[in-house]
Amino acid sequence: MSGSPDDDIEELRKKKMEELRDRAQDDQGDAQQARREQAEAQKQALLRQHLTDGARKRLNTVEMSKPEFAKQVEQQVIALARSGRIQDQIDEEQMKELLQELKPDDDGFNIRRR
C-alpha cells in the first residue's frame, strides 16, 4: 500500500467524501429536473384546459418560427387563467387576436425622401 495505515484511512475517507459530494450533486440535479418537468406538465395542463384544439395548433405553429414569442403568449394565457379572466376556452379567433395584440411592433426602417 501507500504507507502507514493512517494514510490509507485518510485516503479512503477523502474518496468516500468525494463520492458523497458527487452523489449529492446528482440528487440535487435530479430534484431540479423533476421540478422543471412538473412545472412544464402543469403549464401544459393549464393550456389544454383553456385553449381549444385550433388555438393550441395556432400557438404550436407560432412556436415553430418564434419560440420566444410563443413562450410569452403561453405565459400571458397562464396569467389570464390564474387570475380568473378566462371564462371559456380561448378559440382560434381569440388566439389570433391575442397574438396580434402581443406581437412586437416591427417598424423596421422608415426612409423618407425630401
C-alpha atoms as a PDB file:
ATOM      1  CA  MET A   1       0.000   0.000   0.000  1.00  0.00           C
ATOM      2  CA  SER A   2       0.993   3.650   0.121  1.00  0.00           C
ATOM      3  CA  GLY A   3       2.415   3.811   3.585  1.00  0.00           C
ATOM      4  CA  SER A   4       1.091   3.904   7.091  1.00  0.00           C
ATOM      5  CA  PRO A   5      -2.424   2.704   7.925  1.00  0.00           C
ATOM      6  CA  ASP A   6      -3.355   6.276   8.891  1.00  0.00           C
ATOM      7  CA  ASP A   7      -2.508   7.476   5.375  1.00  0.00           C
ATOM      8  CA  ASP A   8      -4.634   4.696   3.862  1.00  0.00           C
ATOM      9  CA  ILE A   9      -7.583   5.528   6.102  1.00  0.00           C
ATOM     10  CA  GLU A  10      -7.277   9.222   5.257  1.00  0.00           C
ATOM     11  CA  GLU A  11      -7.172   8.450   1.519  1.00  0.00           C
ATOM     12  CA  LEU A  12     -10.262   6.199   1.820  1.00  0.00           C
ATOM     13  CA  ARG A  13     -12.030   8.920   3.790  1.00  0.00           C
ATOM     14  CA  LYS A  14     -11.272  11.516   1.051  1.00  0.00           C
ATOM     15  CA  LYS A  15     -12.551   9.170  -1.675  1.00  0.00           C
ATOM     16  CA  LYS A  16     -15.719   8.476   0.285  1.00  0.00           C
ATOM     17  CA  MET A  17     -16.320  12.212   0.815  1.00  0.00           C
ATOM     18  CA  GLU A  18     -15.869  12.851  -2.922  1.00  0.00           C
ATOM     19  CA  GLU A  19     -18.351  10.077  -3.727  1.00  0.00           C
ATOM     20  CA  LEU A  20     -20.876  11.519  -1.278  1.00  0.00           C
ATOM     21  CA  ARG A  21     -20.403  15.015  -2.722  1.00  0.00           C
ATOM     22  CA  ASP A  22     -20.884  13.711  -6.273  1.00  0.00           C
ATOM     23  CA  ARG A  23     -23.977  11.764  -5.264  1.00  0.00           C
ATOM     24  CA  ALA A  24     -25.445  14.815  -3.501  1.00  0.00           C
ATOM     25  CA  GLN A  25     -24.891  16.948  -6.611  1.00  0.00           C
ATOM     26  CA  ASP A  26     -26.553  14.272  -8.773  1.00  0.00           C
ATOM     27  CA  ASP A  27     -29.528  14.105  -6.398  1.00  0.00           C
ATOM     28  CA  GLN A  28     -29.840  17.898  -6.434  1.00  0.00           C
ATOM     29  CA  GLY A  29     -29.739  17.935 -10.233  1.00  0.00           C
ATOM     30  CA  ASP A  30     -32.399  15.211 -10.367  1.00  0.00           C
ATOM     31  CA  ALA A  31     -34.632  17.183  -7.996  1.00  0.00           C
ATOM     32  CA  GLN A  32     -34.286  20.333 -10.115  1.00  0.00           C
ATOM     33  CA  GLN A  33     -35.073  18.353 -13.253  1.00  0.00           C
ATOM     34  CA  ALA A  34     -38.152  16.859 -11.569  1.00  0.00           C
ATOM     35  CA  ARG A  35     -39.345  20.337 -10.538  1.00  0.00           C
ATOM     36  CA  ARG A  36     -38.873  21.631 -14.097  1.00  0.00           C
ATOM     37  CA  GLU A  37     -40.786  18.677 -15.528  1.00  0.00           C
ATOM     38  CA  GLN A  38     -43.598  19.138 -13.014  1.00  0.00           C
ATOM     39  CA  ALA A  39     -43.861  22.859 -13.794  1.00  0.00           C
ATOM     40  CA  GLU A  40     -43.933  22.097 -17.528  1.00  0.00           C
ATOM     41  CA  ALA A  41     -46.661  19.473 -17.000  1.00  0.00           C
ATOM     42  CA  GLN A  42     -48.757  21.967 -15.005  1.00  0.00           C
ATOM     43  CA  LYS A  43     -48.286  24.591 -17.706  1.00  0.00           C
ATOM     44  CA  GLN A  44     -49.352  22.173 -20.436  1.00  0.00           C
ATOM     45  CA  ALA A  45     -52.400  21.090 -18.400  1.00  0.00           C
ATOM     46  CA  LEU A  46     -53.476  24.729 -17.961  1.00  0.00           C
ATOM     47  CA  LEU A  47     -53.030  25.395 -21.672  1.00  0.00           C
ATOM     48  CA  ARG A  48     -55.038  22.277 -22.588  1.00  0.00           C
ATOM     49  CA  GLN A  49     -57.775  23.361 -20.206  1.00  0.00           C
ATOM     50  CA  HIS A  50     -58.046  26.928 -21.511  1.00  0.00           C
ATOM     51  CA  LEU A  51     -57.249  26.585 -25.240  1.00  0.00           C
ATOM     52  CA  THR A  52     -59.289  24.846 -27.925  1.00  0.00           C
ATOM     53  CA  ASP A  53     -57.537  22.467 -30.310  1.00  0.00           C
ATOM     54  CA  GLY A  54     -57.436  25.144 -33.006  1.00  0.00           C
ATOM     55  CA  ALA A  55     -55.886  27.693 -30.646  1.00  0.00           C
ATOM     56  CA  ARG A  56     -53.263  25.174 -29.497  1.00  0.00           C
ATOM     57  CA  LYS A  57     -52.403  24.336 -33.105  1.00  0.00           C
ATOM     58  CA  ARG A  58     -52.014  28.023 -33.935  1.00  0.00           C
ATOM     59  CA  LEU A  59     -49.779  28.538 -30.896  1.00  0.00           C
ATOM     60  CA  ASN A  60     -47.689  25.498 -31.865  1.00  0.00           C
ATOM     61  CA  THR A  61     -47.293  26.917 -35.355  1.00  0.00           C
ATOM     62  CA  VAL A  62     -46.060  30.200 -33.910  1.00  0.00           C
ATOM     63  CA  GLU A  63     -43.702  28.286 -31.632  1.00  0.00           C
ATOM     64  CA  MET A  64     -42.010  26.682 -34.644  1.00  0.00           C
ATOM     65  CA  SER A  65     -40.968  30.033 -36.075  1.00  0.00           C
ATOM     66  CA  LYS A  66     -40.776  32.243 -32.968  1.00  0.00           C
ATOM     67  CA  PRO A  67     -40.221  30.168 -29.808  1.00  0.00           C
ATOM     68  CA  GLU A  68     -39.593  33.177 -27.530  1.00  0.00           C
ATOM     69  CA  PHE A  69     -42.765  34.905 -28.682  1.00  0.00           C
ATOM     70  CA  ALA A  70     -44.756  31.677 -28.196  1.00  0.00           C
ATOM     71  CA  LYS A  71     -43.439  31.381 -24.624  1.00  0.00           C
ATOM     72  CA  GLN A  72     -44.525  34.970 -23.973  1.00  0.00           C
ATOM     73  CA  VAL A  73     -48.025  34.173 -25.278  1.00  0.00           C
ATOM     74  CA  GLU A  74     -48.174  30.991 -23.167  1.00  0.00           C
ATOM     75  CA  GLN A  75     -47.205  32.977 -20.077  1.00  0.00           C
ATOM     76  CA  GLN A  76     -49.893  35.542 -20.865  1.00  0.00           C
ATOM     77  CA  VAL A  77     -52.562  32.839 -21.258  1.00  0.00           C
ATOM     78  CA  ILE A  78     -51.466  31.201 -17.998  1.00  0.00           C
ATOM     79  CA  ALA A  79     -51.553  34.557 -16.195  1.00  0.00           C
ATOM     80  CA  LEU A  80     -55.050  35.229 -17.524  1.00  0.00           C
ATOM     81  CA  ALA A  81     -56.185  31.753 -16.487  1.00  0.00           C
ATOM     82  CA  ARG A  82     -54.745  32.030 -12.984  1.00  0.00           C
ATOM     83  CA  SER A  83     -56.309  35.437 -12.470  1.00  0.00           C
ATOM     84  CA  GLY A  84     -59.703  34.055 -13.499  1.00  0.00           C
ATOM     85  CA  ARG A  85     -60.065  36.348 -16.511  1.00  0.00           C
ATOM     86  CA  ILE A  86     -60.699  33.474 -18.945  1.00  0.00           C
ATOM     87  CA  GLN A  87     -64.343  32.414 -18.747  1.00  0.00           C
ATOM     88  CA  ASP A  88     -64.432  29.802 -21.529  1.00  0.00           C
ATOM     89  CA  GLN A  89     -61.728  28.308 -23.641  1.00  0.00           C
ATOM     90  CA  ILE A  90     -59.804  30.571 -25.987  1.00  0.00           C
ATOM     91  CA  ASP A  91     -60.678  29.610 -29.549  1.00  0.00           C
ATOM     92  CA  GLU A  92     -58.604  30.104 -32.681  1.00  0.00           C
ATOM     93  CA  GLU A  93     -60.060  33.544 -33.492  1.00  0.00           C
ATOM     94  CA  GLN A  94     -59.382  34.793 -29.962  1.00  0.00           C
ATOM     95  CA  MET A  95     -55.857  33.346 -30.209  1.00  0.00           C
ATOM     96  CA  LYS A  96     -55.322  35.307 -33.445  1.00  0.00           C
ATOM     97  CA  GLU A  97     -56.399  38.480 -31.642  1.00  0.00           C
ATOM     98  CA  LEU A  98     -54.148  37.728 -28.680  1.00  0.00           C
ATOM     99  CA  LEU A  99     -51.198  37.066 -30.976  1.00  0.00           C
ATOM    100  CA  GLN A 100     -51.886  40.315 -32.810  1.00  0.00           C
ATOM    101  CA  GLU A 101     -52.040  42.274 -29.531  1.00  0.00           C
ATOM    102  CA  LEU A 102     -48.838  40.772 -28.168  1.00  0.00           C
ATOM    103  CA  LYS A 103     -46.906  40.941 -31.433  1.00  0.00           C
ATOM    104  CA  PRO A 104     -43.963  43.273 -31.036  1.00  0.00           C
ATOM    105  CA  ASP A 105     -44.142  46.380 -33.174  1.00  0.00           C
ATOM    106  CA  ASP A 106     -41.713  45.840 -36.016  1.00  0.00           C
ATOM    107  CA  ASP A 107     -41.456  49.214 -37.618  1.00  0.00           C
ATOM    108  CA  GLY A 108     -38.278  48.375 -39.463  1.00  0.00           C
ATOM    109  CA  PHE A 109     -36.754  51.226 -41.378  1.00  0.00           C
ATOM    110  CA  ASN A 110     -38.685  54.297 -42.373  1.00  0.00           C
ATOM    111  CA  ILE A 111     -36.981  56.020 -45.235  1.00  0.00           C
ATOM    112  CA  ARG A 112     -38.409  59.375 -46.111  1.00  0.00           C
ATOM    113  CA  ARG A 113     -37.429  61.317 -49.186  1.00  0.00           C
ATOM    114  CA  ARG A 114     -37.348  65.075 -49.036  1.00  0.00           C
END
